[in-house]
Amino acid sequence: MTRKLSRRLARKNAAKGKKRLEREVTKKMNMFDKLPNKCLTCEKPFDKQDKAMVQSWYTVVYDEKKIVRLYCPECWEKAQEILNDFRERTERKLQDHRGGGN
């Protein structure tokens, strides 16, 4: 393959990637109006105008259902701890089960 053709293909692929990214960002921005005004778990108020809040709170977006879930940092951290604990206990049970069967 020539160098010229390689560069052309690279530019074309970069343009496709940029367009895809722009579509994804647009889709996410359209979901911004669906952003709740409080944490789903503890109902702590959320201010969309507060830059620190916007950068520290967590969102879970379900594109198919057009649903946005919002979590404050404290509730998100607690949920992560619960999930990690569950994962560790499940892995231990699986290892115990495998080890006990040998």
PDB file of N, CA and C in Angstrom:
ATOM      1  N   MET A   1       0.851  -1.164   0.000  1.00  0.00           N
ATOM      2  CA  MET A   1       0.000   0.000   0.000  1.00  0.00           C
ATOM      3  C   MET A   1       0.900   1.231   0.000  1.00  0.00           C
ATOM      4  N   THR A   2       0.518   2.211  -0.786  1.00  0.00           N
ATOM      5  CA  THR A   2       1.344   3.410  -0.857  1.00  0.00           C
ATOM      6  C   THR A   2       1.144   4.268   0.380  1.00  0.00           C
ATOM      7  N   ARG A   3       2.097   5.134   0.575  1.00  0.00           N
ATOM      8  CA  ARG A   3       2.039   6.039   1.724  1.00  0.00           C
ATOM      9  C   ARG A   3       0.850   6.988   1.610  1.00  0.00           C
ATOM     10  N   LYS A   4       0.626   7.462   0.398  1.00  0.00           N
ATOM     11  CA  LYS A   4      -0.469   8.396   0.157  1.00  0.00           C
ATOM     12  C   LYS A   4      -1.817   7.747   0.492  1.00  0.00           C
ATOM     13  N   LEU A   5      -1.986   6.514   0.063  1.00  0.00           N
ATOM     14  CA  LEU A   5      -3.217   5.784   0.338  1.00  0.00           C
ATOM     15  C   LEU A   5      -3.364   5.523   1.834  1.00  0.00           C
ATOM     16  N   SER A   6      -2.286   5.192   2.498  1.00  0.00           N
ATOM     17  CA  SER A   6      -2.316   4.950   3.942  1.00  0.00           C
ATOM     18  C   SER A   6      -2.764   6.204   4.685  1.00  0.00           C
ATOM     19  N   ARG A   7      -2.227   7.351   4.286  1.00  0.00           N
ATOM     20  CA  ARG A   7      -2.611   8.614   4.945  1.00  0.00           C
ATOM     21  C   ARG A   7      -4.081   8.922   4.703  1.00  0.00           C
ATOM     22  N   ARG A   8      -4.547   8.683   3.473  1.00  0.00           N
ATOM     23  CA  ARG A   8      -5.931   8.959   3.134  1.00  0.00           C
ATOM     24  C   ARG A   8      -6.866   8.073   3.974  1.00  0.00           C
ATOM     25  N   LEU A   9      -6.519   6.793   4.099  1.00  0.00           N
ATOM     26  CA  LEU A   9      -7.327   5.887   4.907  1.00  0.00           C
ATOM     27  C   LEU A   9      -7.325   6.288   6.385  1.00  0.00           C
ATOM     28  N   ALA A  10      -6.169   6.709   6.862  1.00  0.00           N
ATOM     29  CA  ALA A  10      -6.061   7.133   8.255  1.00  0.00           C
ATOM     30  C   ALA A  10      -6.930   8.366   8.500  1.00  0.00           C
ATOM     31  N   ARG A  11      -6.916   9.329   7.586  1.00  0.00           N
ATOM     32  CA  ARG A  11      -7.756  10.527   7.724  1.00  0.00           C
ATOM     33  C   ARG A  11      -9.238  10.159   7.677  1.00  0.00           C
ATOM     34  N   LYS A  12      -9.585   9.245   6.770  1.00  0.00           N
ATOM     35  CA  LYS A  12     -10.981   8.826   6.638  1.00  0.00           C
ATOM     36  C   LYS A  12     -11.454   8.149   7.925  1.00  0.00           C
ATOM     37  N   ASN A  13     -10.631   7.265   8.482  1.00  0.00           N
ATOM     38  CA  ASN A  13     -10.983   6.585   9.731  1.00  0.00           C
ATOM     39  C   ASN A  13     -11.082   7.569  10.892  1.00  0.00           C
ATOM     40  N   ALA A  14     -10.188   8.542  10.927  1.00  0.00           N
ATOM     41  CA  ALA A  14     -10.229   9.555  11.986  1.00  0.00           C
ATOM     42  C   ALA A  14     -11.509  10.372  11.870  1.00  0.00           C
ATOM     43  N   ALA A  15     -11.904  10.711  10.650  1.00  0.00           N
ATOM     44  CA  ALA A  15     -13.126  11.481  10.446  1.00  0.00           C
ATOM     45  C   ALA A  15     -14.345  10.671  10.880  1.00  0.00           C
ATOM     46  N   LYS A  16     -14.371   9.373  10.572  1.00  0.00           N
ATOM     47  CA  LYS A  16     -15.485   8.516  10.993  1.00  0.00           C
ATOM     48  C   LYS A  16     -15.566   8.468  12.518  1.00  0.00           C
ATOM     49  N   GLY A  17     -14.414   8.320  13.150  1.00  0.00           N
ATOM     50  CA  GLY A  17     -14.377   8.271  14.609  1.00  0.00           C
ATOM     51  C   GLY A  17     -14.860   9.577  15.219  1.00  0.00           C
ATOM     52  N   LYS A  18     -14.463  10.693  14.622  1.00  0.00           N
ATOM     53  CA  LYS A  18     -14.872  12.000  15.127  1.00  0.00           C
ATOM     54  C   LYS A  18     -16.379  12.170  14.981  1.00  0.00           C
ATOM     55  N   LYS A  19     -16.932  11.768  13.838  1.00  0.00           N
ATOM     56  CA  LYS A  19     -18.373  11.883  13.621  1.00  0.00           C
ATOM     57  C   LYS A  19     -19.140  11.006  14.608  1.00  0.00           C
ATOM     58  N   ARG A  20     -18.649   9.797  14.848  1.00  0.00           N
ATOM     59  CA  ARG A  20     -19.303   8.891  15.792  1.00  0.00           C
ATOM     60  C   ARG A  20     -19.294   9.496  17.192  1.00  0.00           C
ATOM     61  N   LEU A  21     -18.150  10.062  17.582  1.00  0.00           N
ATOM     62  CA  LEU A  21     -18.031  10.691  18.888  1.00  0.00           C
ATOM     63  C   LEU A  21     -18.987  11.882  19.006  1.00  0.00           C
ATOM     64  N   GLU A  22     -19.075  12.684  17.942  1.00  0.00           N
ATOM     65  CA  GLU A  22     -19.987  13.830  17.951  1.00  0.00           C
ATOM     66  C   GLU A  22     -21.437  13.378  18.110  1.00  0.00           C
ATOM     67  N   ARG A  23     -21.809  12.285  17.437  1.00  0.00           N
ATOM     68  CA  ARG A  23     -23.176  11.758  17.569  1.00  0.00           C
ATOM     69  C   ARG A  23     -23.442  11.293  18.995  1.00  0.00           C
ATOM     70  N   GLU A  24     -22.458  10.623  19.601  1.00  0.00           N
ATOM     71  CA  GLU A  24     -22.623  10.144  20.968  1.00  0.00           C
ATOM     72  C   GLU A  24     -22.765  11.305  21.947  1.00  0.00           C
ATOM     73  N   VAL A  25     -21.946  12.341  21.765  1.00  0.00           N
ATOM     74  CA  VAL A  25     -22.013  13.508  22.651  1.00  0.00           C
ATOM     75  C   VAL A  25     -23.367  14.199  22.489  1.00  0.00           C
ATOM     76  N   THR A  26     -23.824  14.340  21.263  1.00  0.00           N
ATOM     77  CA  THR A  26     -25.124  14.960  21.010  1.00  0.00           C
ATOM     78  C   THR A  26     -26.230  14.172  21.688  1.00  0.00           C
ATOM     79  N   LYS A  27     -26.170  12.848  21.584  1.00  0.00           N
ATOM     80  CA  LYS A  27     -27.181  11.997  22.204  1.00  0.00           C
ATOM     81  C   LYS A  27     -27.170  12.178  23.723  1.00  0.00           C
ATOM     82  N   LYS A  28     -25.972  12.244  24.307  1.00  0.00           N
ATOM     83  CA  LYS A  28     -25.858  12.421  25.754  1.00  0.00           C
ATOM     84  C   LYS A  28     -26.378  13.796  26.169  1.00  0.00           C
ATOM     85  N   MET A  29     -26.072  14.802  25.386  1.00  0.00           N
ATOM     86  CA  MET A  29     -26.531  16.152  25.709  1.00  0.00           C
ATOM     87  C   MET A  29     -28.059  16.233  25.637  1.00  0.00           C
ATOM     88  N   ASN A  30     -28.659  15.499  24.721  1.00  0.00           N
ATOM     89  CA  ASN A  30     -30.113  15.478  24.635  1.00  0.00           C
ATOM     90  C   ASN A  30     -30.733  14.817  25.855  1.00  0.00           C
ATOM     91  N   MET A  31     -29.975  13.981  26.533  1.00  0.00           N
ATOM     92  CA  MET A  31     -30.462  13.327  27.743  1.00  0.00           C
ATOM     93  C   MET A  31     -30.303  14.239  28.973  1.00  0.00           C
ATOM     94  N   PHE A  32     -29.555  15.345  28.839  1.00  0.00           N
ATOM     95  CA  PHE A  32     -29.289  16.227  29.976  1.00  0.00           C
ATOM     96  C   PHE A  32     -30.577  16.774  30.583  1.00  0.00           C
ATOM     97  N   ASP A  33     -31.579  17.024  29.743  1.00  0.00           N
ATOM     98  CA  ASP A  33     -32.839  17.540  30.279  1.00  0.00           C
ATOM     99  C   ASP A  33     -33.580  16.491  31.104  1.00  0.00           C
ATOM    100  N   LYS A  34     -33.199  15.239  30.977  1.00  0.00           N
ATOM    101  CA  LYS A  34     -33.801  14.166  31.768  1.00  0.00           C
ATOM    102  C   LYS A  34     -33.060  13.949  33.094  1.00  0.00           C
ATOM    103  N   LEU A  35     -31.998  14.721  33.312  1.00  0.00           N
ATOM    104  CA  LEU A  35     -31.201  14.584  34.525  1.00  0.00           C
ATOM    105  C   LEU A  35     -32.037  14.976  35.743  1.00  0.00           C
ATOM    106  N   PRO A  36     -32.151  14.087  36.723  1.00  0.00           N
ATOM    107  CA  PRO A  36     -32.948  14.394  37.926  1.00  0.00           C
ATOM    108  C   PRO A  36     -32.329  15.548  38.721  1.00  0.00           C
ATOM    109  N   ASN A  37     -33.101  16.084  39.660  1.00  0.00           N
ATOM    110  CA  ASN A  37     -32.593  17.186  40.476  1.00  0.00           C
ATOM    111  C   ASN A  37     -32.235  16.733  41.887  1.00  0.00           C
ATOM    112  N   LYS A  38     -32.145  15.386  42.077  1.00  0.00           N
ATOM    113  CA  LYS A  38     -31.746  14.858  43.382  1.00  0.00           C
ATOM    114  C   LYS A  38     -31.171  13.454  43.214  1.00  0.00           C
ATOM    115  N   CYS A  39     -30.425  13.023  44.207  1.00  0.00           N
ATOM    116  CA  CYS A  39     -29.846  11.682  44.222  1.00  0.00           C
ATOM    117  C   CYS A  39     -30.973  10.654  44.288  1.00  0.00           C
ATOM    118  N   LEU A  40     -30.885   9.638  43.484  1.00  0.00           N
ATOM    119  CA  LEU A  40     -31.914   8.604  43.450  1.00  0.00           C
ATOM    120  C   LEU A  40     -32.028   7.874  44.787  1.00  0.00           C
ATOM    121  N   THR A  41     -30.914   7.734  45.505  1.00  0.00           N
ATOM    122  CA  THR A  41     -30.891   6.955  46.735  1.00  0.00           C
ATOM    123  C   THR A  41     -31.248   7.767  47.981  1.00  0.00           C
ATOM    124  N   CYS A  42     -30.539   8.863  48.211  1.00  0.00           N
ATOM    125  CA  CYS A  42     -30.739   9.627  49.453  1.00  0.00           C
ATOM    126  C   CYS A  42     -31.540  10.908  49.253  1.00  0.00           C
ATOM    127  N   GLU A  43     -31.834  11.239  48.003  1.00  0.00           N
ATOM    128  CA  GLU A  43     -32.608  12.420  47.640  1.00  0.00           C
ATOM    129  C   GLU A  43     -31.924  13.744  47.976  1.00  0.00           C
ATOM    130  N   LYS A  44     -30.594  13.707  48.102  1.00  0.00           N
ATOM    131  CA  LYS A  44     -29.847  14.950  48.289  1.00  0.00           C
ATOM    132  C   LYS A  44     -30.045  15.801  47.034  1.00  0.00           C
ATOM    133  N   PRO A  45     -30.327  17.113  47.190  1.00  0.00           N
ATOM    134  CA  PRO A  45     -30.572  17.964  46.019  1.00  0.00           C
ATOM    135  C   PRO A  45     -29.327  18.099  45.134  1.00  0.00           C
ATOM    136  N   PHE A  46     -29.561  18.186  43.829  1.00  0.00           N
ATOM    137  CA  PHE A  46     -28.496  18.336  42.839  1.00  0.00           C
ATOM    138  C   PHE A  46     -28.705  19.645  42.087  1.00  0.00           C
ATOM    139  N   ASP A  47     -27.652  20.469  42.038  1.00  0.00           N
ATOM    140  CA  ASP A  47     -27.708  21.753  41.341  1.00  0.00           C
ATOM    141  C   ASP A  47     -26.924  21.644  40.039  1.00  0.00           C
ATOM    142  N   LYS A  48     -27.620  21.662  38.916  1.00  0.00           N
ATOM    143  CA  LYS A  48     -26.978  21.546  37.598  1.00  0.00           C
ATOM    144  C   LYS A  48     -26.036  22.705  37.308  1.00  0.00           C
ATOM    145  N   GLN A  49     -26.194  23.810  38.026  1.00  0.00           N
ATOM    146  CA  GLN A  49     -25.358  24.991  37.803  1.00  0.00           C
ATOM    147  C   GLN A  49     -24.056  24.954  38.607  1.00  0.00           C
ATOM    148  N   ASP A  50     -23.973  24.044  39.561  1.00  0.00           N
ATOM    149  CA  ASP A  50     -22.787  23.928  40.419  1.00  0.00           C
ATOM    150  C   ASP A  50     -21.760  23.024  39.728  1.00  0.00           C
ATOM    151  N   LYS A  51     -20.672  23.637  39.266  1.00  0.00           N
ATOM    152  CA  LYS A  51     -19.664  22.901  38.507  1.00  0.00           C
ATOM    153  C   LYS A  51     -19.063  21.745  39.303  1.00  0.00           C
ATOM    154  N   ALA A  52     -18.800  21.968  40.583  1.00  0.00           N
ATOM    155  CA  ALA A  52     -18.219  20.910  41.422  1.00  0.00           C
ATOM    156  C   ALA A  52     -19.179  19.725  41.528  1.00  0.00           C
ATOM    157  N   MET A  53     -20.466  20.009  41.663  1.00  0.00           N
ATOM    158  CA  MET A  53     -21.453  18.931  41.737  1.00  0.00           C
ATOM    159  C   MET A  53     -21.525  18.179  40.418  1.00  0.00           C
ATOM    160  N   VAL A  54     -21.569  18.911  39.345  1.00  0.00           N
ATOM    161  CA  VAL A  54     -21.671  18.292  38.020  1.00  0.00           C
ATOM    162  C   VAL A  54     -20.484  17.362  37.777  1.00  0.00           C
ATOM    163  N   GLN A  55     -19.313  17.752  38.257  1.00  0.00           N
ATOM    164  CA  GLN A  55     -18.113  16.951  38.027  1.00  0.00           C
ATOM    165  C   GLN A  55     -17.947  15.797  39.016  1.00  0.00           C
ATOM    166  N   SER A  56     -18.631  15.843  40.154  1.00  0.00           N
ATOM    167  CA  SER A  56     -18.400  14.809  41.165  1.00  0.00           C
ATOM    168  C   SER A  56     -19.543  13.801  41.301  1.00  0.00           C
ATOM    169  N   TRP A  57     -20.724  14.125  40.835  1.00  0.00           N
ATOM    170  CA  TRP A  57     -21.849  13.197  40.928  1.00  0.00           C
ATOM    171  C   TRP A  57     -21.792  12.199  39.782  1.00  0.00           C
ATOM    172  N   TYR A  58     -22.492  11.077  39.938  1.00  0.00           N
ATOM    173  CA  TYR A  58     -22.438   9.989  38.966  1.00  0.00           C
ATOM    174  C   TYR A  58     -23.786   9.805  38.283  1.00  0.00           C
ATOM    175  N   THR A  59     -23.721   9.531  36.995  1.00  0.00           N
ATOM    176  CA  THR A  59     -24.942   9.256  36.237  1.00  0.00           C
ATOM    177  C   THR A  59     -24.852   7.876  35.607  1.00  0.00           C
ATOM    178  N   VAL A  60     -26.003   7.238  35.514  1.00  0.00           N
ATOM    179  CA  VAL A  60     -26.130   5.982  34.793  1.00  0.00           C
ATOM    180  C   VAL A  60     -27.216   6.230  33.758  1.00  0.00           C
ATOM    181  N   VAL A  61     -26.859   6.053  32.480  1.00  0.00           N
ATOM    182  CA  VAL A  61     -27.786   6.357  31.396  1.00  0.00           C
ATOM    183  C   VAL A  61     -28.214   5.065  30.714  1.00  0.00           C
ATOM    184  N   TYR A  62     -29.514   4.888  30.592  1.00  0.00           N
ATOM    185  CA  TYR A  62     -30.096   3.767  29.854  1.00  0.00           C
ATOM    186  C   TYR A  62     -30.669   4.351  28.563  1.00  0.00           C
ATOM    187  N   ASP A  63     -29.866   4.287  27.491  1.00  0.00           N
ATOM    188  CA  ASP A  63     -30.260   4.900  26.230  1.00  0.00           C
ATOM    189  C   ASP A  63     -31.570   4.350  25.691  1.00  0.00           C
ATOM    190  N   GLU A  64     -31.718   3.021  25.720  1.00  0.00           N
ATOM    191  CA  GLU A  64     -32.898   2.397  25.129  1.00  0.00           C
ATOM    192  C   GLU A  64     -34.180   2.880  25.807  1.00  0.00           C
ATOM    193  N   LYS A  65     -34.119   3.023  27.116  1.00  0.00           N
ATOM    194  CA  LYS A  65     -35.298   3.432  27.879  1.00  0.00           C
ATOM    195  C   LYS A  65     -35.365   4.946  28.068  1.00  0.00           C
ATOM    196  N   LYS A  66     -34.298   5.637  27.651  1.00  0.00           N
ATOM    197  CA  LYS A  66     -34.182   7.090  27.831  1.00  0.00           C
ATOM    198  C   LYS A  66     -34.358   7.481  29.307  1.00  0.00           C
ATOM    199  N   ILE A  67     -33.615   6.768  30.148  1.00  0.00           N
ATOM    200  CA  ILE A  67     -33.654   6.998  31.593  1.00  0.00           C
ATOM    201  C   ILE A  67     -32.262   7.418  32.060  1.00  0.00           C
ATOM    202  N   VAL A  68     -32.231   8.406  32.956  1.00  0.00           N
ATOM    203  CA  VAL A  68     -30.974   8.851  33.554  1.00  0.00           C
ATOM    204  C   VAL A  68     -31.110   8.724  35.066  1.00  0.00           C
ATOM    205  N   ARG A  69     -30.198   8.009  35.686  1.00  0.00           N
ATOM    206  CA  ARG A  69     -30.167   7.864  37.140  1.00  0.00           C
ATOM    207  C   ARG A  69     -29.019   8.722  37.661  1.00  0.00           C
ATOM    208  N   LEU A  70     -29.238   9.384  38.782  1.00  0.00           N
ATOM    209  CA  LEU A  70     -28.250  10.292  39.350  1.00  0.00           C
ATOM    210  C   LEU A  70     -27.927   9.875  40.784  1.00  0.00           C
ATOM    211  N   TYR A  71     -26.626   9.825  41.098  1.00  0.00           N
ATOM    212  CA  TYR A  71     -26.186   9.406  42.424  1.00  0.00           C
ATOM    213  C   TYR A  71     -25.149  10.383  42.970  1.00  0.00           C
ATOM    214  N   CYS A  72     -25.297  10.759  44.240  1.00  0.00           N
ATOM    215  CA  CYS A  72     -24.288  11.604  44.890  1.00  0.00           C
ATOM    216  C   CYS A  72     -23.046  10.755  45.151  1.00  0.00           C
ATOM    217  N   PRO A  73     -21.898  11.392  45.382  1.00  0.00           N
ATOM    218  CA  PRO A  73     -20.658  10.623  45.591  1.00  0.00           C
ATOM    219  C   PRO A  73     -20.734   9.652  46.777  1.00  0.00           C
ATOM    220  N   GLU A  74     -21.409  10.043  47.849  1.00  0.00           N
ATOM    221  CA  GLU A  74     -21.486   9.176  49.026  1.00  0.00           C
ATOM    222  C   GLU A  74     -22.278   7.899  48.718  1.00  0.00           C
ATOM    223  N   CYS A  75     -23.423   8.053  48.063  1.00  0.00           N
ATOM    224  CA  CYS A  75     -24.244   6.879  47.727  1.00  0.00           C
ATOM    225  C   CYS A  75     -23.548   6.003  46.695  1.00  0.00           C
ATOM    226  N   TRP A  76     -22.856   6.637  45.744  1.00  0.00           N
ATOM    227  CA  TRP A  76     -22.135   5.877  44.720  1.00  0.00           C
ATOM    228  C   TRP A  76     -21.038   5.035  45.376  1.00  0.00           C
ATOM    229  N   GLU A  77     -20.293   5.659  46.296  1.00  0.00           N
ATOM    230  CA  GLU A  77     -19.203   4.956  46.978  1.00  0.00           C
ATOM    231  C   GLU A  77     -19.753   3.784  47.794  1.00  0.00           C
ATOM    232  N   LYS A  78     -20.850   4.021  48.486  1.00  0.00           N
ATOM    233  CA  LYS A  78     -21.454   2.955  49.287  1.00  0.00           C
ATOM    234  C   LYS A  78     -21.904   1.799  48.390  1.00  0.00           C
ATOM    235  N   ALA A  79     -22.504   2.120  47.253  1.00  0.00           N
ATOM    236  CA  ALA A  79     -22.946   1.077  46.316  1.00  0.00           C
ATOM    237  C   ALA A  79     -21.751   0.297  45.777  1.00  0.00           C
ATOM    238  N   GLN A  80     -20.654   0.987  45.484  1.00  0.00           N
ATOM    239  CA  GLN A  80     -19.454   0.311  44.991  1.00  0.00           C
ATOM    240  C   GLN A  80     -18.898  -0.638  46.043  1.00  0.00           C
ATOM    241  N   GLU A  81     -18.897  -0.198  47.306  1.00  0.00           N
ATOM    242  CA  GLU A  81     -18.428  -1.063  48.391  1.00  0.00           C
ATOM    243  C   GLU A  81     -19.296  -2.311  48.506  1.00  0.00           C
ATOM    244  N   ILE A  82     -20.608  -2.143  48.421  1.00  0.00           N
ATOM    245  CA  ILE A  82     -21.525  -3.281  48.504  1.00  0.00           C
ATOM    246  C   ILE A  82     -21.274  -4.245  47.349  1.00  0.00           C
ATOM    247  N   LEU A  83     -21.128  -3.708  46.145  1.00  0.00           N
ATOM    248  CA  LEU A  83     -20.873  -4.554  44.978  1.00  0.00           C
ATOM    249  C   LEU A  83     -19.548  -5.299  45.099  1.00  0.00           C
ATOM    250  N   ASN A  84     -18.512  -4.592  45.542  1.00  0.00           N
ATOM    251  CA  ASN A  84     -17.206  -5.235  45.706  1.00  0.00           C
ATOM    252  C   ASN A  84     -17.258  -6.331  46.755  1.00  0.00           C
ATOM    253  N   ASP A  85     -17.951  -6.066  47.860  1.00  0.00           N
ATOM    254  CA  ASP A  85     -18.089  -7.075  48.905  1.00  0.00           C
ATOM    255  C   ASP A  85     -18.832  -8.294  48.364  1.00  0.00           C
ATOM    256  N   PHE A  86     -19.908  -8.063  47.633  1.00  0.00           N
ATOM    257  CA  PHE A  86     -20.669  -9.163  47.044  1.00  0.00           C
ATOM    258  C   PHE A  86     -19.811  -9.970  46.073  1.00  0.00           C
ATOM    259  N   ARG A  87     -19.057  -9.263  45.242  1.00  0.00           N
ATOM    260  CA  ARG A  87     -18.181  -9.933  44.268  1.00  0.00           C
ATOM    261  C   ARG A  87     -17.135 -10.793  44.974  1.00  0.00           C
ATOM    262  N   GLU A  88     -16.519 -10.250  46.027  1.00  0.00           N
ATOM    263  CA  GLU A  88     -15.503 -11.001  46.763  1.00  0.00           C
ATOM    264  C   GLU A  88     -16.100 -12.248  47.425  1.00  0.00           C
ATOM    265  N   ARG A  89     -17.284 -12.097  48.046  1.00  0.00           N
ATOM    266  CA  ARG A  89     -17.914 -13.251  48.696  1.00  0.00           C
ATOM    267  C   ARG A  89     -18.303 -14.314  47.669  1.00  0.00           C
ATOM    268  N   THR A  90     -18.791 -13.867  46.518  1.00  0.00           N
ATOM    269  CA  THR A  90     -19.167 -14.811  45.462  1.00  0.00           C
ATOM    270  C   THR A  90     -17.944 -15.556  44.949  1.00  0.00           C
ATOM    271  N   GLU A  91     -16.835 -14.834  44.745  1.00  0.00           N
ATOM    272  CA  GLU A  91     -15.600 -15.478  44.276  1.00  0.00           C
ATOM    273  C   GLU A  91     -15.074 -16.466  45.309  1.00  0.00           C
ATOM    274  N   ARG A  92     -15.148 -16.112  46.592  1.00  0.00           N
ATOM    275  CA  ARG A  92     -14.694 -17.023  47.654  1.00  0.00           C
ATOM    276  C   ARG A  92     -15.536 -18.293  47.674  1.00  0.00           C
ATOM    277  N   LYS A  93     -16.850 -18.125  47.552  1.00  0.00           N
ATOM    278  CA  LYS A  93     -17.732 -19.299  47.525  1.00  0.00           C
ATOM    279  C   LYS A  93     -17.411 -20.190  46.336  1.00  0.00           C
ATOM    280  N   LEU A  94     -17.157 -19.578  45.192  1.00  0.00           N
ATOM    281  CA  LEU A  94     -16.830 -20.342  43.997  1.00  0.00           C
ATOM    282  C   LEU A  94     -15.512 -21.088  44.187  1.00  0.00           C
ATOM    283  N   GLN A  95     -14.512 -20.424  44.774  1.00  0.00           N
ATOM    284  CA  GLN A  95     -13.222 -21.070  45.012  1.00  0.00           C
ATOM    285  C   GLN A  95     -13.371 -22.203  46.034  1.00  0.00           C
ATOM    286  N   ASP A  96     -14.165 -21.957  47.083  1.00  0.00           N
ATOM    287  CA  ASP A  96     -14.383 -22.996  48.103  1.00  0.00           C
ATOM    288  C   ASP A  96     -15.079 -24.200  47.477  1.00  0.00           C
ATOM    289  N   HIS A  97     -16.034 -23.930  46.625  1.00  0.00           N
ATOM    290  CA  HIS A  97     -16.774 -24.998  45.947  1.00  0.00           C
ATOM    291  C   HIS A  97     -15.838 -25.801  45.045  1.00  0.00           C
ATOM    292  N   ARG A  98     -15.003 -25.119  44.299  1.00  0.00           N
ATOM    293  CA  ARG A  98     -14.055 -25.817  43.404  1.00  0.00           C
ATOM    294  C   ARG A  98     -13.018 -26.582  44.205  1.00  0.00           C
ATOM    295  N   GLY A  99     -12.515 -25.936  45.272  1.00  0.00           N
ATOM    296  CA  GLY A  99     -11.476 -26.578  46.087  1.00  0.00           C
ATOM    297  C   GLY A  99     -12.007 -27.751  46.873  1.00  0.00           C
ATOM    298  N   GLY A 100     -13.264 -27.665  47.311  1.00  0.00           N
ATOM    299  CA  GLY A 100     -13.852 -28.741  48.109  1.00  0.00           C
ATOM    300  C   GLY A 100     -14.201 -29.961  47.273  1.00  0.00           C
ATOM    301  N   GLY A 101     -14.378 -29.758  45.955  1.00  0.00           N
ATOM    302  CA  GLY A 101     -14.774 -30.872  45.100  1.00  0.00           C
ATOM    303  C   GLY A 101     -13.605 -31.705  44.621  1.00  0.00           C
ATOM    304  N   ASN A 102     -12.365 -31.273  44.860  1.00  0.00           N
ATOM    305  CA  ASN A 102     -11.191 -32.009  44.375  1.00  0.00           C
ATOM    306  C   ASN A 102     -10.795 -33.105  45.292  1.00  0.00           C
TER     307      ASN A 102
END
